[in-house]
PDB file of N, CA and C in Angstrom:
ATOM      1  N   MET A   1     133.675  92.760 239.517  1.00  0.00           N
ATOM      2  CA  MET A   1     133.912  93.797 238.481  1.00  0.00           C
ATOM      3  C   MET A   1     132.956  95.031 238.720  1.00  0.00           C
ATOM      4  N   ALA A   2     132.048  95.199 238.616  1.00  0.00           N
ATOM      5  CA  ALA A   2     131.177  96.236 238.854  1.00  0.00           C
ATOM      6  C   ALA A   2     131.570  96.981 240.356  1.00  0.00           C
ATOM      7  N   SER A   3     131.751  96.745 241.775  1.00  0.00           N
ATOM      8  CA  SER A   3     132.279  97.775 242.320  1.00  0.00           C
ATOM      9  C   SER A   3     133.558  97.972 242.813  1.00  0.00           C
ATOM     10  N   ARG A   4     134.671  97.682 241.677  1.00  0.00           N
ATOM     11  CA  ARG A   4     135.886  98.259 240.919  1.00  0.00           C
ATOM     12  C   ARG A   4     135.542  99.522 240.320  1.00  0.00           C
ATOM     13  N   SER A   5     134.446  99.124 239.010  1.00  0.00           N
ATOM     14  CA  SER A   5     134.725 100.277 238.700  1.00  0.00           C
ATOM     15  C   SER A   5     133.788 101.721 239.094  1.00  0.00           C
ATOM     16  N   ARG A   6     133.116 101.288 240.096  1.00  0.00           N
ATOM     17  CA  ARG A   6     132.689 102.448 240.921  1.00  0.00           C
ATOM     18  C   ARG A   6     133.812 102.957 241.673  1.00  0.00           C
ATOM     19  N   ARG A   7     134.482 102.414 242.324  1.00  0.00           N
ATOM     20  CA  ARG A   7     135.257 102.980 243.524  1.00  0.00           C
ATOM     21  C   ARG A   7     136.576 103.661 242.661  1.00  0.00           C
ATOM     22  N   ILE A   8     136.861 103.353 241.433  1.00  0.00           N
ATOM     23  CA  ILE A   8     138.097 104.018 241.058  1.00  0.00           C
ATOM     24  C   ILE A   8     137.550 105.181 239.788  1.00  0.00           C
ATOM     25  N   ARG A   9     138.399 106.267 239.704  1.00  0.00           N
ATOM     26  CA  ARG A   9     138.030 106.935 238.545  1.00  0.00           C
ATOM     27  C   ARG A   9     138.814 107.075 237.069  1.00  0.00           C
ATOM     28  N   SER A  10     139.612 106.133 237.167  1.00  0.00           N
ATOM     29  CA  SER A  10     140.219 105.725 235.487  1.00  0.00           C
ATOM     30  C   SER A  10     139.348 104.772 234.950  1.00  0.00           C
ATOM     31  N   PRO A  11     138.757 104.887 233.831  1.00  0.00           N
ATOM     32  CA  PRO A  11     137.960 103.509 232.805  1.00  0.00           C
ATOM     33  C   PRO A  11     138.554 102.462 232.606  1.00  0.00           C
ATOM     34  N   VAL A  12     137.469 101.741 232.910  1.00  0.00           N
ATOM     35  CA  VAL A  12     137.907 100.143 232.849  1.00  0.00           C
ATOM     36  C   VAL A  12     137.493  99.662 231.696  1.00  0.00           C
ATOM     37  N   TYR A  13     138.673  98.543 230.870  1.00  0.00           N
ATOM     38  CA  TYR A  13     138.055  98.208 229.860  1.00  0.00           C
ATOM     39  C   TYR A  13     138.173  96.423 230.156  1.00  0.00           C
ATOM     40  N   VAL A  14     137.258  96.277 229.924  1.00  0.00           N
ATOM     41  CA  VAL A  14     137.198  94.619 229.937  1.00  0.00           C
ATOM     42  C   VAL A  14     137.053  93.579 228.900  1.00  0.00           C
ATOM     43  N   TYR A  15     137.831  92.754 228.796  1.00  0.00           N
ATOM     44  CA  TYR A  15     137.484  91.683 227.281  1.00  0.00           C
ATOM     45  C   TYR A  15     137.541  90.284 227.816  1.00  0.00           C
ATOM     46  N   HIS A  16     136.999  89.494 226.776  1.00  0.00           N
ATOM     47  CA  HIS A  16     136.516  88.021 226.729  1.00  0.00           C
ATOM     48  C   HIS A  16     137.475  87.410 225.682  1.00  0.00           C
ATOM     49  N   PHE A  17     138.439  86.814 225.859  1.00  0.00           N
ATOM     50  CA  PHE A  17     139.295  86.113 225.052  1.00  0.00           C
ATOM     51  C   PHE A  17     138.552  85.024 224.464  1.00  0.00           C
ATOM     52  N   GLU A  18     138.336  85.113 222.997  1.00  0.00           N
ATOM     53  CA  GLU A  18     137.411  83.781 222.447  1.00  0.00           C
ATOM     54  C   GLU A  18     138.362  83.116 221.064  1.00  0.00           C
ATOM     55  N   GLN A  19     139.803  83.250 221.195  1.00  0.00           N
ATOM     56  CA  GLN A  19     140.610  82.905 220.386  1.00  0.00           C
ATOM     57  C   GLN A  19     141.007  81.291 220.308  1.00  0.00           C
ATOM     58  N   THR A  20     139.874  80.065 219.675  1.00  0.00           N
ATOM     59  CA  THR A  20     139.822  78.961 219.150  1.00  0.00           C
ATOM     60  C   THR A  20     140.437  78.526 217.858  1.00  0.00           C
ATOM     61  N   SER A  21     141.681  77.519 218.210  1.00  0.00           N
ATOM     62  CA  SER A  21     141.714  77.248 216.532  1.00  0.00           C
ATOM     63  C   SER A  21     142.886  75.764 216.946  1.00  0.00           C
ATOM     64  N   PRO A  22     143.359  75.184 216.060  1.00  0.00           N
ATOM     65  CA  PRO A  22     144.201  73.794 216.502  1.00  0.00           C
ATOM     66  C   PRO A  22     145.121  74.226 217.160  1.00  0.00           C
ATOM     67  N   TYR A  23     145.870  75.383 216.924  1.00  0.00           N
ATOM     68  CA  TYR A  23     146.568  75.708 218.152  1.00  0.00           C
ATOM     69  C   TYR A  23     146.341  76.136 219.266  1.00  0.00           C
ATOM     70  N   ASN A  24     145.435  76.497 219.656  1.00  0.00           N
ATOM     71  CA  ASN A  24     144.766  77.086 220.662  1.00  0.00           C
ATOM     72  C   ASN A  24     143.181  76.717 220.961  1.00  0.00           C
ATOM     73  N   PRO A  25     143.167  74.990 221.205  1.00  0.00           N
ATOM     74  CA  PRO A  25     141.449  74.667 221.458  1.00  0.00           C
ATOM     75  C   PRO A  25     140.480  74.988 221.960  1.00  0.00           C
ATOM     76  N   VAL A  26     141.176  75.560 223.434  1.00  0.00           N
ATOM     77  CA  VAL A  26     140.323  75.950 224.278  1.00  0.00           C
ATOM     78  C   VAL A  26     141.004  77.431 224.972  1.00  0.00           C
ATOM     79  N   ALA A  27     139.660  78.067 224.826  1.00  0.00           N
ATOM     80  CA  ALA A  27     140.166  79.525 225.005  1.00  0.00           C
ATOM     81  C   ALA A  27     139.662  79.677 226.328  1.00  0.00           C
ATOM     82  N   THR A  28     140.758  79.549 227.499  1.00  0.00           N
ATOM     83  CA  THR A  28     140.629  79.678 229.290  1.00  0.00           C
ATOM     84  C   THR A  28     141.541  80.935 229.520  1.00  0.00           C
ATOM     85  N   HIS A  29     141.638  80.606 230.872  1.00  0.00           N
ATOM     86  CA  HIS A  29     142.273  81.872 232.006  1.00  0.00           C
ATOM     87  C   HIS A  29     143.776  81.780 231.402  1.00  0.00           C
ATOM     88  N   ALA A  30     144.279  82.896 230.668  1.00  0.00           N
ATOM     89  CA  ALA A  30     145.989  83.227 230.798  1.00  0.00           C
ATOM     90  C   ALA A  30     146.295  82.324 229.159  1.00  0.00           C
ATOM     91  N   THR A  31     145.433  81.797 228.146  1.00  0.00           N
ATOM     92  CA  THR A  31     145.636  81.482 227.056  1.00  0.00           C
ATOM     93  C   THR A  31     145.551  82.379 225.998  1.00  0.00           C
ATOM     94  N   ASP A  32     145.416  84.164 226.762  1.00  0.00           N
ATOM     95  CA  ASP A  32     145.969  85.287 225.759  1.00  0.00           C
ATOM     96  C   ASP A  32     146.823  85.789 226.130  1.00  0.00           C
ATOM     97  N   VAL A  33     147.637  84.893 227.056  1.00  0.00           N
ATOM     98  CA  VAL A  33     149.300  85.458 227.293  1.00  0.00           C
ATOM     99  C   VAL A  33     149.830  84.866 226.052  1.00  0.00           C
ATOM    100  N   PRO A  34     150.229  84.317 225.422  1.00  0.00           N
ATOM    101  CA  PRO A  34     151.364  84.750 224.295  1.00  0.00           C
ATOM    102  C   PRO A  34     150.873  84.860 223.334  1.00  0.00           C
ATOM    103  N   TYR A  35     149.673  85.332 222.740  1.00  0.00           N
ATOM    104  CA  TYR A  35     148.858  86.624 221.950  1.00  0.00           C
ATOM    105  C   TYR A  35     149.389  87.685 222.153  1.00  0.00           C
ATOM    106  N   VAL A  36     148.875  88.273 223.729  1.00  0.00           N
ATOM    107  CA  VAL A  36     149.158  89.537 223.926  1.00  0.00           C
ATOM    108  C   VAL A  36     150.787  89.655 224.202  1.00  0.00           C
ATOM    109  N   PHE A  37     151.938  88.617 223.903  1.00  0.00           N
ATOM    110  CA  PHE A  37     153.191  88.962 223.802  1.00  0.00           C
ATOM    111  C   PHE A  37     153.807  88.688 222.550  1.00  0.00           C
ATOM    112  N   GLY A  38     152.676  88.291 221.489  1.00  0.00           N
ATOM    113  CA  GLY A  38     153.269  88.247 220.393  1.00  0.00           C
ATOM    114  C   GLY A  38     154.265  86.788 220.524  1.00  0.00           C
ATOM    115  N   ASN A  39     154.007  85.796 221.518  1.00  0.00           N
ATOM    116  CA  ASN A  39     155.063  84.596 221.590  1.00  0.00           C
ATOM    117  C   ASN A  39     154.752  83.575 221.528  1.00  0.00           C
ATOM    118  N   LEU A  40     153.926  82.868 220.064  1.00  0.00           N
ATOM    119  CA  LEU A  40     153.787  81.905 219.642  1.00  0.00           C
ATOM    120  C   LEU A  40     154.407  80.893 219.190  1.00  0.00           C
ATOM    121  N   PRO A  41     155.074  80.164 220.035  1.00  0.00           N
ATOM    122  CA  PRO A  41     155.857  79.106 219.742  1.00  0.00           C
ATOM    123  C   PRO A  41     155.170  77.783 219.268  1.00  0.00           C
ATOM    124  N   ALA A  42     155.675  76.767 218.527  1.00  0.00           N
ATOM    125  CA  ALA A  42     155.008  75.436 218.027  1.00  0.00           C
ATOM    126  C   ALA A  42     154.394  74.769 219.567  1.00  0.00           C
ATOM    127  N   ILE A  43     153.354  74.223 219.772  1.00  0.00           N
ATOM    128  CA  ILE A  43     153.060  73.753 220.886  1.00  0.00           C
ATOM    129  C   ILE A  43     152.850  72.165 220.153  1.00  0.00           C
ATOM    130  N   ASN A  44     153.375  71.218 221.019  1.00  0.00           N
ATOM    131  CA  ASN A  44     153.376  69.472 220.573  1.00  0.00           C
ATOM    132  C   ASN A  44     152.872  69.499 219.071  1.00  0.00           C
ATOM    133  N   GLY A  45     154.009  69.929 218.077  1.00  0.00           N
ATOM    134  CA  GLY A  45     154.285  69.974 216.605  1.00  0.00           C
ATOM    135  C   GLY A  45     152.705  70.780 216.307  1.00  0.00           C
ATOM    136  N   VAL A  46     152.366  71.660 216.914  1.00  0.00           N
ATOM    137  CA  VAL A  46     151.542  72.592 215.928  1.00  0.00           C
ATOM    138  C   VAL A  46     151.588  74.064 216.180  1.00  0.00           C
ATOM    139  N   SER A  47     152.278  74.622 214.980  1.00  0.00           N
ATOM    140  CA  SER A  47     152.681  75.872 215.046  1.00  0.00           C
ATOM    141  C   SER A  47     151.039  76.552 214.734  1.00  0.00           C
ATOM    142  N   PRO A  48     151.113  77.759 215.176  1.00  0.00           N
ATOM    143  CA  PRO A  48     149.881  78.983 215.160  1.00  0.00           C
ATOM    144  C   PRO A  48     149.519  78.966 213.459  1.00  0.00           C
ATOM    145  N   GLY A  49     148.131  79.444 213.570  1.00  0.00           N
ATOM    146  CA  GLY A  49     147.646  79.773 212.054  1.00  0.00           C
ATOM    147  C   GLY A  49     147.728  80.810 211.455  1.00  0.00           C
ATOM    148  N   SER A  50     147.478  81.660 210.673  1.00  0.00           N
ATOM    149  CA  SER A  50     147.543  82.770 210.024  1.00  0.00           C
ATOM    150  C   SER A  50     146.419  83.635 210.752  1.00  0.00           C
ATOM    151  N   GLN A  51     145.134  83.260 211.575  1.00  0.00           N
ATOM    152  CA  GLN A  51     144.072  83.698 212.271  1.00  0.00           C
ATOM    153  C   GLN A  51     144.686  83.791 214.097  1.00  0.00           C
ATOM    154  N   ASP A  52     145.633  83.162 214.312  1.00  0.00           N
ATOM    155  CA  ASP A  52     145.832  83.117 215.632  1.00  0.00           C
ATOM    156  C   ASP A  52     147.137  84.257 215.512  1.00  0.00           C
ATOM    157  N   ILE A  53     147.827  84.572 214.359  1.00  0.00           N
ATOM    158  CA  ILE A  53     149.070  85.564 214.314  1.00  0.00           C
ATOM    159  C   ILE A  53     147.973  86.972 214.246  1.00  0.00           C
ATOM    160  N   ALA A  54     147.254  86.640 213.705  1.00  0.00           N
ATOM    161  CA  ALA A  54     146.064  87.837 212.967  1.00  0.00           C
ATOM    162  C   ALA A  54     146.055  88.528 214.621  1.00  0.00           C
ATOM    163  N   VAL A  55     145.006  87.356 215.455  1.00  0.00           N
ATOM    164  CA  VAL A  55     144.789  87.958 216.407  1.00  0.00           C
ATOM    165  C   VAL A  55     145.639  88.458 217.612  1.00  0.00           C
ATOM    166  N   SER A  56     146.492  87.715 217.348  1.00  0.00           N
ATOM    167  CA  SER A  56     147.654  88.440 218.089  1.00  0.00           C
ATOM    168  C   SER A  56     148.464  89.915 218.101  1.00  0.00           C
ATOM    169  N   GLY A  57     148.530  90.094 216.607  1.00  0.00           N
ATOM    170  CA  GLY A  57     148.719  91.516 216.350  1.00  0.00           C
ATOM    171  C   GLY A  57     147.498  92.566 216.683  1.00  0.00           C
ATOM    172  N   THR A  58     146.077  92.068 216.652  1.00  0.00           N
ATOM    173  CA  THR A  58     145.309  93.415 217.537  1.00  0.00           C
ATOM    174  C   THR A  58     145.185  93.332 218.375  1.00  0.00           C
ATOM    175  N   ILE A  59     145.222  91.765 219.535  1.00  0.00           N
ATOM    176  CA  ILE A  59     145.577  92.578 221.199  1.00  0.00           C
ATOM    177  C   ILE A  59     146.602  92.891 221.375  1.00  0.00           C
ATOM    178  N   GLN A  60     147.842  92.648 220.807  1.00  0.00           N
ATOM    179  CA  GLN A  60     149.341  93.572 220.792  1.00  0.00           C
ATOM    180  C   GLN A  60     148.950  95.246 220.649  1.00  0.00           C
ATOM    181  N   SER A  61     148.103  95.584 219.708  1.00  0.00           N
ATOM    182  CA  SER A  61     147.540  97.064 219.035  1.00  0.00           C
ATOM    183  C   SER A  61     146.981  97.277 220.440  1.00  0.00           C
ATOM    184  N   TYR A  62     145.800  96.675 220.911  1.00  0.00           N
ATOM    185  CA  TYR A  62     144.893  96.989 222.160  1.00  0.00           C
ATOM    186  C   TYR A  62     145.783  97.649 223.057  1.00  0.00           C
ATOM    187  N   TRP A  63     146.781  96.486 223.564  1.00  0.00           N
ATOM    188  CA  TRP A  63     147.724  96.465 225.067  1.00  0.00           C
ATOM    189  C   TRP A  63     148.546  97.479 224.681  1.00  0.00           C
ATOM    190  N   THR A  64     149.231  97.759 223.740  1.00  0.00           N
ATOM    191  CA  THR A  64     150.355  99.264 223.518  1.00  0.00           C
ATOM    192  C   THR A  64     149.196 100.166 223.364  1.00  0.00           C
ATOM    193  N   ASN A  65     148.504 100.693 222.653  1.00  0.00           N
ATOM    194  CA  ASN A  65     147.582 101.443 223.019  1.00  0.00           C
ATOM    195  C   ASN A  65     146.736 101.834 224.460  1.00  0.00           C
ATOM    196  N   PHE A  66     146.525 101.026 224.816  1.00  0.00           N
ATOM    197  CA  PHE A  66     146.571 101.095 226.508  1.00  0.00           C
ATOM    198  C   PHE A  66     147.422 101.626 227.210  1.00  0.00           C
ATOM    199  N   ALA A  67     148.353 100.937 227.230  1.00  0.00           N
ATOM    200  CA  ALA A  67     149.820 101.436 227.977  1.00  0.00           C
ATOM    201  C   ALA A  67     150.108 102.621 227.629  1.00  0.00           C
ATOM    202  N   ARG A  68     150.634 103.144 226.293  1.00  0.00           N
ATOM    203  CA  ARG A  68     150.727 104.557 225.710  1.00  0.00           C
ATOM    204  C   ARG A  68     149.526 105.396 226.565  1.00  0.00           C
ATOM    205  N   THR A  69     148.376 105.432 226.483  1.00  0.00           N
ATOM    206  CA  THR A  69     147.234 106.423 226.734  1.00  0.00           C
ATOM    207  C   THR A  69     146.379 105.944 227.528  1.00  0.00           C
ATOM    208  N   GLY A  70     146.181 104.770 227.774  1.00  0.00           N
ATOM    209  CA  GLY A  70     144.918 104.492 229.085  1.00  0.00           C
ATOM    210  C   GLY A  70     143.719 104.126 228.662  1.00  0.00           C
ATOM    211  N   ASP A  71     144.315 104.069 227.032  1.00  0.00           N
ATOM    212  CA  ASP A  71     142.559 103.951 226.405  1.00  0.00           C
ATOM    213  C   ASP A  71     142.962 102.525 225.102  1.00  0.00           C
ATOM    214  N   PRO A  72     142.410 101.574 225.192  1.00  0.00           N
ATOM    215  CA  PRO A  72     142.887 100.749 223.904  1.00  0.00           C
ATOM    216  C   PRO A  72     142.644 100.977 222.566  1.00  0.00           C
ATOM    217  N   ASN A  73     141.607 101.752 222.456  1.00  0.00           N
ATOM    218  CA  ASN A  73     141.138 102.454 221.268  1.00  0.00           C
ATOM    219  C   ASN A  73     142.348 102.699 219.906  1.00  0.00           C
ATOM    220  N   GLY A  74     142.300 102.812 219.070  1.00  0.00           N
ATOM    221  CA  GLY A  74     143.107 103.140 217.926  1.00  0.00           C
ATOM    222  C   GLY A  74     142.682 103.313 216.665  1.00  0.00           C
ATOM    223  N   ALA A  75     143.545 103.606 215.387  1.00  0.00           N
ATOM    224  CA  ALA A  75     143.005 104.054 214.406  1.00  0.00           C
ATOM    225  C   ALA A  75     143.527 102.144 213.835  1.00  0.00           C
ATOM    226  N   GLY A  76     141.914 101.943 212.743  1.00  0.00           N
ATOM    227  CA  GLY A  76     142.000 100.180 212.621  1.00  0.00           C
ATOM    228  C   GLY A  76     141.793  99.377 213.271  1.00  0.00           C
ATOM    229  N   LEU A  77     141.305  99.818 214.276  1.00  0.00           N
ATOM    230  CA  LEU A  77     140.678  98.928 215.334  1.00  0.00           C
ATOM    231  C   LEU A  77     139.510  98.802 215.754  1.00  0.00           C
ATOM    232  N   ALA A  78     138.764  97.893 216.089  1.00  0.00           N
ATOM    233  CA  ALA A  78     137.023  97.691 216.058  1.00  0.00           C
ATOM    234  C   ALA A  78     137.489  98.400 217.737  1.00  0.00           C
ATOM    235  N   LEU A  79     136.183  99.354 218.057  1.00  0.00           N
ATOM    236  CA  LEU A  79     136.031  99.966 219.007  1.00  0.00           C
ATOM    237  C   LEU A  79     135.719  99.105 220.302  1.00  0.00           C
ATOM    238  N   TRP A  80     136.624  99.530 221.319  1.00  0.00           N
ATOM    239  CA  TRP A  80     136.056  98.560 222.620  1.00  0.00           C
ATOM    240  C   TRP A  80     135.703  99.759 223.215  1.00  0.00           C
ATOM    241  N   PRO A  81     134.436  99.623 224.032  1.00  0.00           N
ATOM    242  CA  PRO A  81     133.474 100.409 224.865  1.00  0.00           C
ATOM    243  C   PRO A  81     133.996 100.401 226.257  1.00  0.00           C
ATOM    244  N   ARG A  82     134.010 101.723 227.128  1.00  0.00           N
ATOM    245  CA  ARG A  82     134.588 101.221 228.701  1.00  0.00           C
ATOM    246  C   ARG A  82     133.451 100.852 229.223  1.00  0.00           C
ATOM    247  N   TYR A  83     133.544  99.699 230.340  1.00  0.00           N
ATOM    248  CA  TYR A  83     132.962  99.089 230.881  1.00  0.00           C
ATOM    249  C   TYR A  83     132.277  99.631 231.636  1.00  0.00           C
ATOM    250  N   ALA A  84     130.897  99.609 231.747  1.00  0.00           N
ATOM    251  CA  ALA A  84     129.819 100.573 232.498  1.00  0.00           C
ATOM    252  C   ALA A  84     129.142  99.517 233.330  1.00  0.00           C
ATOM    253  N   GLY A  85     129.673  98.397 233.744  1.00  0.00           N
ATOM    254  CA  GLY A  85     129.210  98.098 235.375  1.00  0.00           C
ATOM    255  C   GLY A  85     128.396  96.529 234.788  1.00  0.00           C
ATOM    256  N   ALA A  86     128.134  95.701 235.441  1.00  0.00           N
ATOM    257  CA  ALA A  86     127.700  94.418 235.505  1.00  0.00           C
ATOM    258  C   ALA A  86     126.336  95.084 234.024  1.00  0.00           C
ATOM    259  N   GLY A  87     126.595  93.790 233.300  1.00  0.00           N
ATOM    260  CA  GLY A  87     125.634  93.291 231.960  1.00  0.00           C
ATOM    261  C   GLY A  87     126.138  94.270 230.789  1.00  0.00           C
ATOM    262  N   SER A  88     127.160  95.258 231.206  1.00  0.00           N
ATOM    263  CA  SER A  88     127.065  96.360 230.159  1.00  0.00           C
ATOM    264  C   SER A  88     128.031  95.508 228.365  1.00  0.00           C
ATOM    265  N   GLN A  89     128.617  96.100 227.667  1.00  0.00           N
ATOM    266  CA  GLN A  89     129.392  95.673 226.721  1.00  0.00           C
ATOM    267  C   GLN A  89     130.696  95.566 227.345  1.00  0.00           C
ATOM    268  N   THR A  90     131.533  94.007 226.371  1.00  0.00           N
ATOM    269  CA  THR A  90     132.616  94.353 226.604  1.00  0.00           C
ATOM    270  C   THR A  90     133.314  93.735 225.450  1.00  0.00           C
ATOM    271  N   MET A  91     134.816  93.619 225.414  1.00  0.00           N
ATOM    272  CA  MET A  91     135.432  93.587 223.860  1.00  0.00           C
ATOM    273  C   MET A  91     135.237  91.998 223.599  1.00  0.00           C
ATOM    274  N   ARG A  92     135.261  91.307 222.672  1.00  0.00           N
ATOM    275  CA  ARG A  92     134.891  90.065 222.813  1.00  0.00           C
ATOM    276  C   ARG A  92     136.016  89.783 221.579  1.00  0.00           C
ATOM    277  N   ILE A  93     137.292  89.086 221.788  1.00  0.00           N
ATOM    278  CA  ILE A  93     138.577  88.972 221.108  1.00  0.00           C
ATOM    279  C   ILE A  93     138.990  87.633 220.184  1.00  0.00           C
ATOM    280  N   GLY A  94     138.663  87.355 219.469  1.00  0.00           N
ATOM    281  CA  GLY A  94     138.959  85.999 218.776  1.00  0.00           C
ATOM    282  C   GLY A  94     138.578  86.134 217.340  1.00  0.00           C
ATOM    283  N   ALA A  95     138.073  85.277 216.487  1.00  0.00           N
ATOM    284  CA  ALA A  95     137.798  84.734 215.055  1.00  0.00           C
ATOM    285  C   ALA A  95     137.467  86.217 214.732  1.00  0.00           C
ATOM    286  N   VAL A  96     136.438  87.109 215.404  1.00  0.00           N
ATOM    287  CA  VAL A  96     135.385  88.109 215.348  1.00  0.00           C
ATOM    288  C   VAL A  96     135.964  89.047 216.629  1.00  0.00           C
ATOM    289  N   VAL A  97     136.241  90.236 215.913  1.00  0.00           N
ATOM    290  CA  VAL A  97     136.627  91.085 217.337  1.00  0.00           C
ATOM    291  C   VAL A  97     135.631  91.959 216.891  1.00  0.00           C
ATOM    292  N   ALA A  98     134.847  92.180 218.079  1.00  0.00           N
ATOM    293  CA  ALA A  98     133.928  93.453 218.454  1.00  0.00           C
ATOM    294  C   ALA A  98     133.101  93.461 219.973  1.00  0.00           C
ATOM    295  N   ALA A  99     132.812  94.314 220.041  1.00  0.00           N
ATOM    296  CA  ALA A  99     132.121  94.324 221.330  1.00  0.00           C
ATOM    297  C   ALA A  99     131.106  93.448 221.334  1.00  0.00           C
ATOM    298  N   GLY A 100     130.684  92.841 222.514  1.00  0.00           N
ATOM    299  CA  GLY A 100     129.427  91.904 222.568  1.00  0.00           C
ATOM    300  C   GLY A 100     128.891  92.244 224.272  1.00  0.00           C
ATOM    301  N   PRO A 101     128.009  91.491 224.774  1.00  0.00           N
ATOM    302  CA  PRO A 101     127.557  91.803 226.201  1.00  0.00           C
ATOM    303  C   PRO A 101     128.004  91.024 226.930  1.00  0.00           C
ATOM    304  N   GLU A 102     128.721  91.458 228.527  1.00  0.00           N
ATOM    305  CA  GLU A 102     129.154  90.523 229.145  1.00  0.00           C
ATOM    306  C   GLU A 102     128.452  89.049 229.382  1.00  0.00           C
ATOM    307  N   GLU A 103     129.463  88.039 229.571  1.00  0.00           N
ATOM    308  CA  GLU A 103     129.122  86.942 230.239  1.00  0.00           C
ATOM    309  C   GLU A 103     129.040  86.360 231.853  1.00  0.00           C
ATOM    310  N   GLY A 104     128.186  86.138 231.946  1.00  0.00           N
ATOM    311  CA  GLY A 104     128.554  85.594 233.291  1.00  0.00           C
ATOM    312  C   GLY A 104     127.678  86.944 233.829  1.00  0.00           C
ATOM    313  N   THR A 105     126.973  87.603 233.966  1.00  0.00           N
ATOM    314  CA  THR A 105     126.814  88.619 234.715  1.00  0.00           C
ATOM    315  C   THR A 105     126.058  88.495 236.138  1.00  0.00           C
ATOM    316  N   ALA A 106     125.204  87.323 236.320  1.00  0.00           N
ATOM    317  CA  ALA A 106     124.453  86.889 237.064  1.00  0.00           C
ATOM    318  C   ALA A 106     125.678  86.592 237.963  1.00  0.00           C
ATOM    319  N   ARG A 107     126.388  85.824 237.709  1.00  0.00           N
ATOM    320  CA  ARG A 107     127.102  84.748 238.478  1.00  0.00           C
ATOM    321  C   ARG A 107     128.113  85.970 239.197  1.00  0.00           C
ATOM    322  N   TYR A 108     128.606  87.177 238.342  1.00  0.00           N
ATOM    323  CA  TYR A 108     129.496  88.566 239.318  1.00  0.00           C
ATOM    324  C   TYR A 108     128.317  89.384 239.930  1.00  0.00           C
ATOM    325  N   ARG A 109     127.182  89.299 239.728  1.00  0.00           N
ATOM    326  CA  ARG A 109     125.839  89.987 240.917  1.00  0.00           C
ATOM    327  C   ARG A 109     126.150  88.767 242.023  1.00  0.00           C
ATOM    328  N   PHE A 110     126.251  88.272 241.774  1.00  0.00           N
ATOM    329  CA  PHE A 110     126.072  87.016 243.183  1.00  0.00           C
ATOM    330  C   PHE A 110     127.114  86.761 243.665  1.00  0.00           C
ATOM    331  N   LEU A 111     128.105  87.033 243.014  1.00  0.00           N
ATOM    332  CA  LEU A 111     129.427  87.353 243.872  1.00  0.00           C
ATOM    333  C   LEU A 111     129.900  88.627 244.680  1.00  0.00           C
ATOM    334  N   ASP A 112     129.253  89.792 243.853  1.00  0.00           N
ATOM    335  CA  ASP A 112     129.293  90.899 244.252  1.00  0.00           C
ATOM    336  C   ASP A 112     128.519  90.856 245.777  1.00  0.00           C
ATOM    337  N   ARG A 113     127.267  90.479 245.958  1.00  0.00           N
ATOM    338  CA  ARG A 113     126.474  90.464 247.083  1.00  0.00           C
ATOM    339  C   ARG A 113     127.760  90.282 248.465  1.00  0.00           C
ATOM    340  N   PHE A 114     128.059  89.205 248.442  1.00  0.00           N
ATOM    341  CA  PHE A 114     129.253  88.847 249.210  1.00  0.00           C
ATOM    342  C   PHE A 114     130.386  89.995 249.673  1.00  0.00           C
ATOM    343  N   ARG A 115     130.826  90.432 248.672  1.00  0.00           N
ATOM    344  CA  ARG A 115     131.855  91.361 248.922  1.00  0.00           C
ATOM    345  C   ARG A 115     131.601  92.456 249.286  1.00  0.00           C
ATOM    346  N   VAL A 116     130.380  92.901 249.146  1.00  0.00           N
ATOM    347  CA  VAL A 116     129.715  94.591 249.263  1.00  0.00           C
ATOM    348  C   VAL A 116     128.906  94.077 250.774  1.00  0.00           C
ATOM    349  N   THR A 117     128.492  92.734 251.224  1.00  0.00           N
ATOM    350  CA  THR A 117     128.021  92.966 252.780  1.00  0.00           C
ATOM    351  C   THR A 117     128.957  92.022 253.318  1.00  0.00           C
ATOM    352  N   GLY A 118     130.182  91.857 252.970  1.00  0.00           N
ATOM    353  CA  GLY A 118     131.054  91.233 254.176  1.00  0.00           C
ATOM    354  C   GLY A 118     130.212  90.152 254.554  1.00  0.00           C
ATOM    355  N   LEU A 119     129.571  89.116 253.897  1.00  0.00           N
ATOM    356  CA  LEU A 119     129.353  87.754 254.337  1.00  0.00           C
ATOM    357  C   LEU A 119     130.161  86.784 254.336  1.00  0.00           C
ATOM    358  N   ILE A 120     131.604  86.764 253.557  1.00  0.00           N
ATOM    359  CA  ILE A 120     132.474  86.098 253.724  1.00  0.00           C
ATOM    360  C   ILE A 120     133.861  86.512 254.247  1.00  0.00           C
ATOM    361  N   ALA A 121     133.820  85.499 255.256  1.00  0.00           N
ATOM    362  CA  ALA A 121     134.497  85.624 256.701  1.00  0.00           C
ATOM    363  C   ALA A 121     136.111  84.587 256.550  1.00  0.00           C
ATOM    364  N   VAL A 122     137.235  85.038 256.279  1.00  0.00           N
ATOM    365  CA  VAL A 122     138.492  84.226 256.599  1.00  0.00           C
ATOM    366  C   VAL A 122     139.475  83.927 257.685  1.00  0.00           C
ATOM    367  N   ARG A 123     139.124  82.448 258.137  1.00  0.00           N
ATOM    368  CA  ARG A 123     139.493  82.005 259.355  1.00  0.00           C
ATOM    369  C   ARG A 123     141.084  81.844 259.051  1.00  0.00           C
ATOM    370  N   ALA A 124     141.815  82.126 260.019  1.00  0.00           N
ATOM    371  CA  ALA A 124     143.370  81.394 259.935  1.00  0.00           C
ATOM    372  C   ALA A 124     143.278  80.226 260.730  1.00  0.00           C
ATOM    373  N   PRO A 125     143.994  79.258 260.120  1.00  0.00           N
ATOM    374  CA  PRO A 125     144.220  77.631 260.543  1.00  0.00           C
ATOM    375  C   PRO A 125     144.519  77.608 261.939  1.00  0.00           C
TER     376      PRO A 125
END
């Protein structure tokens, strides 16, 4: 992510989806999608709770603001800082919505070394 933010001129905003509940027991890649689009149907007989609905409304507001203006921030929302590179603040979206330290910075830096130096080679079969 750090190398991408250096190559582009537009601000970058990063978030970590952390919403867990009986409806969404584990926050993993793509479990934010139903929240973003406000499509929270009952799953295996479990309906979204009031916190799930509130998180969905919050993330929809951020995404709508971003689509309109290129900046997710807006009235009534916690400040979402611009991403400033590895180890900087990212938005944490879940039971608590607030900026916090980026997770996995060491892993990103390790992987970035391979992208920057070209040590990864892909061979056709």
